[in-house]
Amino acid sequence: MSLKVEMEMKAMLVIKYVNGQNSAEKIYQKAAEFVANQQLEVPDFEDYVQITEVTLGGVF
């Protein structure tokens, strides 16, 4: 099993997104971490970022 798959299985929240021409994903161990980062002056995801898939606890 790859490290990426293991991390996704352990992760609480996985967000896949498209920013311009680039596809990427952000992994959070806790949903609270995502909420805290979105409240920063420069959040992880600006309003223009297109979210393509969200997995919470391994469930789409």
C-alpha atoms as a PDB file:
ATOM      1  CA  MET A   1       0.000   0.000   0.000  1.00  0.00           C
ATOM      2  CA  SER A   2       1.411   3.410  -0.919  1.00  0.00           C
ATOM      3  CA  LEU A   3       2.061   6.130   1.636  1.00  0.00           C
ATOM      4  CA  LYS A   4      -0.531   8.383  -0.028  1.00  0.00           C
ATOM      5  CA  VAL A   5      -3.241   5.717   0.296  1.00  0.00           C
ATOM      6  CA  GLU A   6      -2.294   5.095   3.933  1.00  0.00           C
ATOM      7  CA  MET A   7      -2.491   8.826   4.704  1.00  0.00           C
ATOM      8  CA  GLU A   8      -5.886   9.118   3.037  1.00  0.00           C
ATOM      9  CA  MET A   9      -7.191   6.160   5.032  1.00  0.00           C
ATOM     10  CA  LYS A  10      -6.038   7.746   8.293  1.00  0.00           C
ATOM     11  CA  ALA A  11      -7.106  11.268   7.314  1.00  0.00           C
ATOM     12  CA  MET A  12     -10.351  12.673   8.515  1.00  0.00           C
ATOM     13  CA  LEU A  13     -10.840  15.074   5.601  1.00  0.00           C
ATOM     14  CA  VAL A  14      -9.448  14.978   2.038  1.00  0.00           C
ATOM     15  CA  ILE A  15     -10.280  17.830  -0.359  1.00  0.00           C
ATOM     16  CA  LYS A  16      -9.444  17.561  -4.065  1.00  0.00           C
ATOM     17  CA  TYR A  17      -9.551  20.805  -6.016  1.00  0.00           C
ATOM     18  CA  VAL A  18      -8.626  22.650  -9.207  1.00  0.00           C
ATOM     19  CA  ASN A  19      -6.877  26.015  -9.039  1.00  0.00           C
ATOM     20  CA  GLY A  20      -6.524  27.408 -12.538  1.00  0.00           C
ATOM     21  CA  GLN A  21      -4.992  24.596 -14.605  1.00  0.00           C
ATOM     22  CA  ASN A  22      -3.606  22.656 -11.623  1.00  0.00           C
ATOM     23  CA  SER A  23      -5.307  19.759  -9.826  1.00  0.00           C
ATOM     24  CA  ALA A  24      -4.240  19.052  -6.262  1.00  0.00           C
ATOM     25  CA  GLU A  25      -5.454  17.772  -2.933  1.00  0.00           C
ATOM     26  CA  LYS A  26      -5.188  18.873   0.668  1.00  0.00           C
ATOM     27  CA  ILE A  27      -5.323  16.377   3.527  1.00  0.00           C
ATOM     28  CA  TYR A  28      -6.393  17.329   7.045  1.00  0.00           C
ATOM     29  CA  GLN A  29      -6.123  14.977  10.011  1.00  0.00           C
ATOM     30  CA  LYS A  30      -9.065  16.681  11.734  1.00  0.00           C
ATOM     31  CA  ALA A  31     -12.006  18.633  10.355  1.00  0.00           C
ATOM     32  CA  ALA A  32     -11.286  21.308  12.989  1.00  0.00           C
ATOM     33  CA  GLU A  33      -7.913  21.911  11.312  1.00  0.00           C
ATOM     34  CA  PHE A  34      -9.707  22.743   8.046  1.00  0.00           C
ATOM     35  CA  VAL A  35     -12.123  25.128   9.803  1.00  0.00           C
ATOM     36  CA  ALA A  36      -9.283  26.907  11.626  1.00  0.00           C
ATOM     37  CA  ASN A  37      -7.276  27.351   8.401  1.00  0.00           C
ATOM     38  CA  GLN A  38     -10.289  28.801   6.569  1.00  0.00           C
ATOM     39  CA  GLN A  39     -10.577  31.505   9.246  1.00  0.00           C
ATOM     40  CA  LEU A  40      -7.028  32.781   8.664  1.00  0.00           C
ATOM     41  CA  GLU A  41      -6.349  36.044   6.830  1.00  0.00           C
ATOM     42  CA  VAL A  42      -5.199  33.938   3.853  1.00  0.00           C
ATOM     43  CA  PRO A  43      -7.276  30.722   3.959  1.00  0.00           C
ATOM     44  CA  ASP A  44      -6.253  27.424   2.343  1.00  0.00           C
ATOM     45  CA  PHE A  45      -9.097  27.764  -0.180  1.00  0.00           C
ATOM     46  CA  GLU A  46     -10.019  31.117  -1.684  1.00  0.00           C
ATOM     47  CA  ASP A  47     -13.542  31.617  -3.061  1.00  0.00           C
ATOM     48  CA  TYR A  48     -12.416  31.062  -6.672  1.00  0.00           C
ATOM     49  CA  VAL A  49     -10.917  27.582  -6.061  1.00  0.00           C
ATOM     50  CA  GLN A  50     -13.063  24.818  -7.576  1.00  0.00           C
ATOM     51  CA  ILE A  51     -13.562  21.905  -5.156  1.00  0.00           C
ATOM     52  CA  THR A  52     -13.984  18.668  -7.129  1.00  0.00           C
ATOM     53  CA  GLU A  53     -14.254  16.014  -4.395  1.00  0.00           C
ATOM     54  CA  VAL A  54     -14.471  15.864  -0.606  1.00  0.00           C
ATOM     55  CA  THR A  55     -13.939  12.703   1.433  1.00  0.00           C
ATOM     56  CA  LEU A  56     -14.756  12.747   5.143  1.00  0.00           C
ATOM     57  CA  GLY A  57     -13.554   9.745   7.109  1.00  0.00           C
ATOM     58  CA  GLY A  58     -13.121   7.719   3.920  1.00  0.00           C
ATOM     59  CA  VAL A  59     -16.695   8.379   2.696  1.00  0.00           C
ATOM     60  CA  PHE A  60     -17.503  10.572  -0.317  1.00  0.00           C
END
